[in-house]
Amino acid sequence: MAKKNTPIHTVSQDMIERCLAKAVAQGDIVNFQFMFLPLSPLRDDNTEELSQDKYAYLLAEEFETSDKTYLEALGEIKRPDIKSFIQQQLQKKAGLPQLPASCVLQLADNAVRLRKYTSAAQAYELLRLRRRMQEEFFNQADAALEKGNIPKAVRGYRIATGLSYNYAAYPEPMPSVPNYQTKALLLHALYPQKPEDSVTTLPLEQQLKTAIEYLLLDGESASRLENLSQEVKIAFITELVNQIDPDWEEFRKRYRESQAIVKQLNTLLQSRESNGKNPDNNGLTLMEEIQAQQAEVDFEAIPELLLGRKIPNGEWWQYLKELAYVHPAAVFFVIRQFVSRDLEIILPPIIQGSPLVQALGLDTV
C-alpha cells in the first residue's frame, strides 16, 4: 500500500517576519521560542496551519504594525544576516533551533519596558546576561537613591528583583514570580497572644526591614537598603506600594471604613486582651460581651470591606490570601482576631503615631 503523502504548506517570509516582530515588540519570550520549535505553524515541514483560529494570537494586527517598537523589531528581523539565520533555524531538522541573539536582546529590553519581568529574566538568561543586567539595574537604582529620586530608585529595584531566578526549580531554573499570598500567610501564621506579637506592632526599624523584604520578594536585595535612614525607607516603601498597587487609594478608603467599625470594639478588644480571655475559656467571648451590651456589629463585614468583596463561607486565611494578591502591602496592617469560639477574622487595628501608617494614609481619622 502506497504511503500517503503529508500535505505541506508554506508561510510567506513576510508573514514569518511579522509574527516574530510582534513577539519581540511585546516582550514575549514564550511565543518567540514557540515559533521556532518543531510544532510551530511557521515551519514548512509542519502540518499546522497559521490560519487556524488557535494561532490568531501570533498574528500582528494593523494597530500593532504602526507601533514604533514593532517597526524597530521588524527592521532588526529583516536584516539580511538575521533573516538568513531565521530561515536556517526554521528548516533545521535535528536538535533544538537557536534564536537570533540580537532579537532576543531587543525582546528582553521591551519586556522590561512593559514590566514583563519574568519574560525579561528568561530572555536575558538565554543570553547569559541576566545577572549582569540585574546588577546594572541595582546600580542605577542606588545612584537614584543618592540623588533623592525615590520613584526612579523604586523602579530600578523592582526591575532588578523581577529578574531574579529560582535555581532550585526542576527540571530547569525558572524566573521567580510574585508570591505574596504564601508570604502573607507566613507573616500571620501564629495567632497574636499579645498586641506586640503582631506584625502591625513591630518596632519601626524591624517593621520597615520586614516590609521591604516582603514587597521586594528578595531578602538579599532588601539588604542593600539597610543603611538608609528611616525617613528614606518610609518614602521608599510608600512609593513601592503605590507602584505595585495602583488601587491602593481605593483600599485606603475601605480600610478607614472598616476602622470605623473596629473603633466601636476597640475598648472591648483591649479589655479582653488585658484580662487574658480566650475563645477556649469558659468566660464570655468578645461576641457575647458585645451582645450583652446590645451592640449590633456585623463582624463578617470587616474582612469583606477590606477585600472589597465577599468570599462565601470564607475563612480568615482566605481573605488574607486574596487581600495579599490585590493589595500586597495590606497584610502589614491587619491582625487576626477571634470574635467568637467559631469565628476568626482579619481586621485593621487602631495604630497611633506610626510614621509608616501615616505615610500610607492608613492612620485613624
Protein backbone atom coordinates (compact mmCIF):
# COMPACT_ATOMS: atom_id res chain seq x y z
CA MET A 1 0.00 0.00 0.00
CA ALA A 2 1.43 3.33 -1.05
CA LYS A 3 2.27 5.72 1.74
CA LYS A 4 0.01 8.75 1.77
CA ASN A 5 1.94 11.96 1.33
CA THR A 6 1.60 14.51 4.12
CA PRO A 7 0.36 17.83 2.77
CA ILE A 8 2.98 20.54 3.02
CA HIS A 9 2.10 24.18 3.50
CA THR A 10 4.21 27.28 3.25
CA VAL A 11 4.13 30.53 5.16
CA SER A 12 5.34 33.63 3.39
CA GLN A 13 8.56 35.20 4.58
CA ASP A 14 6.69 38.43 5.20
CA MET A 15 4.20 36.67 7.50
CA ILE A 16 7.02 34.94 9.40
CA GLU A 17 8.77 38.24 9.98
CA ARG A 18 5.56 39.96 11.09
CA CYS A 19 4.77 37.23 13.62
CA LEU A 20 8.27 37.25 15.07
CA ALA A 21 8.34 41.04 15.20
CA LYS A 22 5.11 41.05 17.20
CA ALA A 23 6.60 38.73 19.83
CA VAL A 24 9.75 40.86 20.06
CA ALA A 25 7.76 44.08 20.36
CA GLN A 26 5.54 42.59 23.06
CA GLY A 27 8.49 41.21 25.02
CA ASP A 28 7.01 37.71 24.80
CA ILE A 29 9.78 35.13 25.01
CA VAL A 30 7.33 32.21 25.22
CA ASN A 31 5.70 32.98 21.87
CA PHE A 32 9.04 33.83 20.29
CA GLN A 33 10.56 30.50 21.29
CA PHE A 34 7.47 28.56 20.28
CA MET A 35 7.61 29.84 16.71
CA PHE A 36 10.99 28.13 16.22
CA LEU A 37 10.01 24.76 17.68
CA PRO A 38 9.15 21.66 15.56
CA LEU A 39 5.41 22.16 16.19
CA SER A 40 5.50 25.77 15.04
CA PRO A 41 2.99 26.73 12.31
CA LEU A 42 5.76 28.83 10.73
CA ARG A 43 7.69 25.74 9.65
CA ASP A 44 7.17 24.27 6.18
CA ASP A 45 7.55 20.70 7.47
CA ASN A 46 4.65 21.05 9.89
CA THR A 47 1.02 20.36 9.02
CA GLU A 48 -0.19 23.02 11.44
CA GLU A 49 -1.74 25.98 9.62
CA LEU A 50 -1.05 29.51 10.79
CA SER A 51 -4.52 30.46 9.54
CA GLN A 52 -6.18 28.35 12.26
CA ASP A 53 -8.02 30.34 14.90
CA LYS A 54 -5.85 28.89 17.67
CA TYR A 55 -2.83 30.70 16.23
CA ALA A 56 -4.51 34.08 15.86
CA TYR A 57 -2.56 35.36 18.88
CA LEU A 58 0.67 35.10 16.85
CA LEU A 59 -0.51 37.43 14.10
CA ALA A 60 0.29 41.11 14.03
CA GLU A 61 -2.81 43.27 13.71
CA GLU A 62 -2.98 46.56 11.85
CA PHE A 63 -2.84 48.69 15.00
CA GLU A 64 0.31 46.86 16.09
CA THR A 65 2.12 47.22 12.78
CA SER A 66 2.15 51.00 13.09
CA ASP A 67 3.72 50.88 16.55
CA LYS A 68 7.27 52.22 16.74
CA THR A 69 8.50 49.29 18.83
CA TYR A 70 7.06 46.82 16.35
CA LEU A 71 8.65 48.60 13.40
CA GLU A 72 12.04 48.57 15.16
CA ALA A 73 11.70 44.84 15.80
CA LEU A 74 10.66 44.22 12.20
CA GLY A 75 13.66 46.20 10.97
CA GLU A 76 16.02 44.02 13.00
CA ILE A 77 14.40 40.81 11.77
CA LYS A 78 14.65 41.97 8.14
CA ARG A 79 18.41 42.45 8.35
CA PRO A 80 19.91 40.09 5.73
CA ASP A 81 22.05 38.17 8.21
CA ILE A 82 19.20 37.82 10.74
CA LYS A 83 16.73 36.89 8.00
CA SER A 84 19.05 34.16 6.73
CA PHE A 85 19.68 32.85 10.26
CA ILE A 86 15.94 32.63 10.96
CA GLN A 87 15.33 30.71 7.71
CA GLN A 88 18.06 28.22 8.63
CA GLN A 89 16.64 27.62 12.09
CA LEU A 90 13.09 27.14 10.83
CA GLN A 91 14.39 24.49 8.42
CA LYS A 92 16.56 22.75 11.00
CA LYS A 93 15.74 19.04 11.23
CA ALA A 94 17.87 17.83 14.14
CA GLY A 95 18.40 19.36 17.55
CA LEU A 96 16.78 22.39 19.08
CA PRO A 97 16.78 25.54 16.95
CA GLN A 98 18.77 28.56 18.08
CA LEU A 99 17.30 32.01 18.48
CA PRO A 100 18.74 35.18 16.92
CA ALA A 101 20.60 36.80 19.80
CA SER A 102 20.04 40.42 18.77
CA CYS A 103 16.28 39.82 18.58
CA VAL A 104 16.24 38.12 21.98
CA LEU A 105 18.09 41.09 23.49
CA GLN A 106 15.63 43.51 21.90
CA LEU A 107 12.77 41.37 23.21
CA ALA A 108 14.21 41.39 26.74
CA ASP A 109 14.58 45.17 26.74
CA ASN A 110 10.98 45.54 25.54
CA ALA A 111 9.82 43.16 28.28
CA VAL A 112 11.49 45.34 30.90
CA ARG A 113 9.82 48.43 29.46
CA LEU A 114 6.45 46.64 29.56
CA ARG A 115 7.11 45.36 33.14
CA LYS A 116 7.07 41.73 31.98
CA TYR A 117 9.95 40.89 34.26
CA THR A 118 9.66 37.09 34.17
CA SER A 119 9.81 37.18 30.38
CA ALA A 120 12.77 39.55 30.53
CA ALA A 121 14.51 37.26 33.01
CA GLN A 122 14.14 34.27 30.70
CA ALA A 123 15.37 36.22 27.67
CA TYR A 124 18.40 37.66 29.47
CA GLU A 125 19.18 34.22 30.90
CA LEU A 126 19.21 32.73 27.39
CA LEU A 127 21.86 35.30 26.53
CA ARG A 128 23.74 34.72 29.81
CA LEU A 129 23.21 38.38 30.60
CA ARG A 130 20.63 38.18 33.37
CA ARG A 131 22.94 38.64 36.37
CA ARG A 132 24.82 41.43 34.64
CA MET A 133 21.59 43.25 33.76
CA GLN A 134 20.24 42.71 37.26
CA GLU A 135 23.31 44.30 38.80
CA GLU A 136 23.15 47.18 36.33
CA PHE A 137 19.58 47.99 37.37
CA PHE A 138 20.56 47.79 41.03
CA ASN A 139 23.44 50.21 40.44
CA GLN A 140 21.19 52.65 38.59
CA ALA A 141 18.64 52.43 41.40
CA ASP A 142 21.27 53.05 44.08
CA ALA A 143 22.52 56.06 42.12
CA ALA A 144 18.97 57.40 42.01
CA LEU A 145 18.67 56.95 45.77
CA GLU A 146 21.81 59.01 46.32
CA LYS A 147 20.23 61.80 44.26
CA GLY A 148 16.95 61.56 46.19
CA ASN A 149 15.00 60.29 43.20
CA ILE A 150 12.81 57.78 45.03
CA PRO A 151 10.44 56.88 42.14
CA LYS A 152 13.35 56.03 39.84
CA ALA A 153 15.08 54.09 42.60
CA VAL A 154 11.97 52.04 43.29
CA ARG A 155 11.52 51.27 39.58
CA GLY A 156 15.13 50.12 39.42
CA TYR A 157 14.75 47.81 42.39
CA ARG A 158 11.51 46.40 41.03
CA ILE A 159 13.17 45.60 37.72
CA ALA A 160 16.28 44.13 39.33
CA THR A 161 14.34 41.90 41.72
CA GLY A 162 11.97 40.98 38.89
CA LEU A 163 14.96 39.48 37.08
CA SER A 164 15.64 37.04 39.93
CA TYR A 165 15.85 33.33 39.15
CA ASN A 166 14.85 30.24 41.09
CA TYR A 167 17.74 27.85 40.59
CA ALA A 168 16.04 25.20 42.73
CA ALA A 169 13.30 24.80 40.10
CA TYR A 170 13.03 21.47 38.32
CA PRO A 171 13.83 20.44 35.64
CA GLU A 172 15.43 23.79 34.83
CA PRO A 173 15.80 27.18 36.53
CA MET A 174 12.80 29.45 36.22
CA PRO A 175 12.22 33.16 36.85
CA SER A 176 10.97 33.99 40.31
CA VAL A 177 7.37 35.17 40.38
CA PRO A 178 5.43 37.26 42.91
CA ASN A 179 4.24 35.04 45.75
CA TYR A 180 2.70 37.49 48.16
CA GLN A 181 -0.10 35.10 49.19
CA THR A 182 2.20 32.47 50.67
CA LYS A 183 4.40 35.05 52.34
CA ALA A 184 1.33 36.75 53.81
CA LEU A 185 0.25 33.52 55.48
CA LEU A 186 3.74 33.10 56.94
CA LEU A 187 3.61 36.62 58.39
CA HIS A 188 0.34 35.78 60.15
CA ALA A 189 0.98 32.11 60.87
CA LEU A 190 0.82 32.50 64.65
CA TYR A 191 -2.19 33.95 66.43
CA PRO A 192 -1.03 37.05 68.36
CA GLN A 193 -1.47 36.40 72.07
CA LYS A 194 -0.47 39.99 72.81
CA PRO A 195 -0.71 43.13 70.63
CA GLU A 196 3.08 43.30 70.31
CA ASP A 197 3.10 39.82 68.76
CA SER A 198 1.51 41.16 65.60
CA VAL A 199 3.43 42.30 62.52
CA THR A 200 1.48 45.55 62.74
CA THR A 201 3.14 46.49 66.03
CA LEU A 202 6.76 45.56 65.36
CA PRO A 203 9.37 48.17 66.32
CA LEU A 204 9.59 50.62 63.45
CA GLU A 205 13.05 49.60 62.18
CA GLN A 206 12.10 45.92 62.21
CA GLN A 207 8.80 46.63 60.51
CA LEU A 208 10.50 48.63 57.76
CA LYS A 209 13.01 45.83 57.17
CA THR A 210 10.28 43.18 57.06
CA ALA A 211 8.09 45.27 54.76
CA ILE A 212 10.89 45.90 52.26
CA GLU A 213 11.86 42.22 52.20
CA TYR A 214 8.23 41.20 51.71
CA LEU A 215 7.41 43.74 49.00
CA LEU A 216 10.65 43.19 47.06
CA LEU A 217 10.30 39.40 47.49
CA ASP A 218 14.05 39.13 48.00
CA GLY A 219 15.87 39.43 51.32
CA GLU A 220 19.28 39.76 49.68
CA SER A 221 18.12 42.67 47.55
CA ALA A 222 16.43 44.31 50.52
CA SER A 223 19.70 44.15 52.46
CA ARG A 224 21.14 46.73 50.06
CA LEU A 225 18.78 49.26 51.66
CA GLU A 226 19.63 48.52 55.30
CA ASN A 227 21.82 51.59 55.81
CA LEU A 228 19.21 54.07 54.63
CA SER A 229 17.62 56.38 57.16
CA GLN A 230 14.15 55.53 58.46
CA GLU A 231 12.79 58.57 56.64
CA VAL A 232 14.15 57.36 53.28
CA LYS A 233 12.97 53.80 53.94
CA ILE A 234 9.44 55.04 54.62
CA ALA A 235 9.50 57.12 51.43
CA PHE A 236 10.82 54.08 49.52
CA ILE A 237 8.10 51.78 50.88
CA THR A 238 5.39 54.34 50.17
CA GLU A 239 6.50 54.71 46.56
CA LEU A 240 6.92 50.94 46.22
CA VAL A 241 3.36 50.35 47.45
CA ASN A 242 1.97 52.89 45.00
CA GLN A 243 3.88 51.37 42.09
CA ILE A 244 2.93 47.78 42.94
CA ASP A 245 -0.68 48.60 43.78
CA PRO A 246 -2.33 51.25 41.57
CA ASP A 247 -5.59 50.72 43.51
CA TRP A 248 -4.06 51.49 46.91
CA GLU A 249 -6.13 54.65 47.26
CA GLU A 250 -9.33 52.63 46.92
CA PHE A 251 -8.10 50.17 49.54
CA ARG A 252 -7.17 53.04 51.83
CA LYS A 253 -10.80 54.26 51.75
CA ARG A 254 -12.15 50.79 52.57
CA TYR A 255 -9.55 50.39 55.31
CA ARG A 256 -10.71 53.55 57.02
CA GLU A 257 -14.35 52.49 56.73
CA SER A 258 -13.52 49.19 58.40
CA GLN A 259 -11.60 51.07 61.09
CA ALA A 260 -14.81 52.90 61.96
CA ILE A 261 -16.35 49.54 62.86
CA VAL A 262 -13.28 48.45 64.82
CA LYS A 263 -13.26 51.67 66.80
CA GLN A 264 -16.62 50.63 68.27
CA LEU A 265 -14.95 47.48 69.56
CA ASN A 266 -11.53 48.81 70.50
CA THR A 267 -12.21 49.22 74.21
CA LEU A 268 -13.64 45.72 74.45
CA LEU A 269 -10.72 44.26 72.48
CA GLN A 270 -8.15 45.86 74.78
CA SER A 271 -10.09 44.80 77.87
CA ARG A 272 -10.34 41.22 76.63
CA GLU A 273 -6.64 41.01 75.80
CA SER A 274 -5.55 42.54 79.09
CA ASN A 275 -7.78 40.11 81.01
CA GLY A 276 -6.32 37.18 79.10
CA LYS A 277 -9.67 36.00 77.80
CA ASN A 278 -9.58 33.39 75.08
CA PRO A 279 -12.31 31.81 72.94
CA ASP A 280 -11.50 28.47 74.59
CA ASN A 281 -12.07 29.80 78.12
CA ASN A 282 -15.38 29.49 79.94
CA GLY A 283 -15.67 33.27 80.16
CA LEU A 284 -17.64 35.39 77.75
CA THR A 285 -16.32 35.69 74.23
CA LEU A 286 -16.00 39.05 72.61
CA MET A 287 -19.16 38.42 70.64
CA GLU A 288 -21.05 37.54 73.82
CA GLU A 289 -19.70 40.61 75.60
CA ILE A 290 -20.92 42.83 72.81
CA GLN A 291 -24.26 41.06 72.61
CA ALA A 292 -24.60 41.54 76.35
CA GLN A 293 -24.17 45.25 75.73
CA GLN A 294 -26.71 45.04 72.90
CA ALA A 295 -24.21 46.29 70.36
CA GLU A 296 -25.16 45.36 66.83
CA VAL A 297 -21.95 44.77 64.93
CA ASP A 298 -21.55 42.67 61.79
CA PHE A 299 -18.08 41.23 62.30
CA GLU A 300 -18.01 39.41 58.98
CA ALA A 301 -18.50 42.73 57.20
CA ILE A 302 -14.97 43.79 58.23
CA PRO A 303 -12.92 41.34 56.08
CA GLU A 304 -15.44 41.77 53.26
CA LEU A 305 -14.95 45.51 53.43
CA LEU A 306 -11.17 45.19 53.49
CA LEU A 307 -11.13 42.93 50.44
CA GLY A 308 -13.90 44.75 48.60
CA ARG A 309 -15.99 41.62 48.07
CA LYS A 310 -17.42 38.67 49.96
CA ILE A 311 -15.93 35.17 49.94
CA PRO A 312 -18.81 32.76 50.63
CA ASN A 313 -18.00 30.91 53.86
CA GLY A 314 -14.56 32.49 53.72
CA GLU A 315 -12.07 31.79 56.50
CA TRP A 316 -9.69 34.46 57.78
CA TRP A 317 -6.77 32.98 55.81
CA GLN A 318 -8.76 33.01 52.58
CA TYR A 319 -9.46 36.71 52.99
CA LEU A 320 -5.79 37.29 53.84
CA LYS A 321 -4.56 35.44 50.73
CA GLU A 322 -6.97 37.29 48.45
CA LEU A 323 -6.09 40.60 50.07
CA ALA A 324 -2.38 39.90 49.58
CA TYR A 325 -3.00 39.23 45.89
CA VAL A 326 -4.81 42.50 45.14
CA HIS A 327 -3.14 44.74 47.78
CA PRO A 328 0.18 43.14 48.84
CA ALA A 329 1.08 45.77 51.45
CA ALA A 330 -2.30 45.50 53.16
CA VAL A 331 -1.24 42.39 55.10
CA PHE A 332 1.07 44.54 57.25
CA PHE A 333 -1.85 46.48 58.64
CA VAL A 334 -4.32 43.77 59.64
CA ILE A 335 -4.39 41.28 62.50
CA ARG A 336 -6.15 38.01 63.23
CA GLN A 337 -8.91 38.21 65.82
CA PHE A 338 -11.23 35.64 67.37
CA VAL A 339 -14.65 37.22 67.91
CA SER A 340 -16.39 34.01 68.96
CA ARG A 341 -15.49 30.39 69.56
CA ASP A 342 -16.23 29.64 65.94
CA LEU A 343 -15.36 32.87 64.15
CA GLU A 344 -11.91 34.29 63.47
CA ILE A 345 -11.49 37.25 61.16
CA ILE A 346 -8.89 39.74 60.00
CA LEU A 347 -9.39 43.36 60.97
CA PRO A 348 -7.44 46.62 60.99
CA PRO A 349 -6.08 47.51 64.44
CA ILE A 350 -6.15 51.08 65.65
CA ILE A 351 -2.50 52.15 65.40
CA GLN A 352 -1.49 55.53 66.74
CA GLY A 353 1.62 57.50 65.84
CA SER A 354 3.21 55.15 63.29
CA PRO A 355 5.03 57.20 60.62
CA LEU A 356 4.67 54.31 58.13
CA VAL A 357 0.92 54.09 58.72
CA GLN A 358 0.65 57.85 58.30
CA ALA A 359 2.73 57.87 55.11
CA LEU A 360 0.44 55.25 53.54
CA GLY A 361 -2.69 57.15 54.55
CA LEU A 362 -3.96 54.46 56.92
CA ASP A 363 -3.91 56.48 60.14
CA THR A 364 -7.16 56.75 62.04
CA VAL A 365 -9.22 59.83 61.33
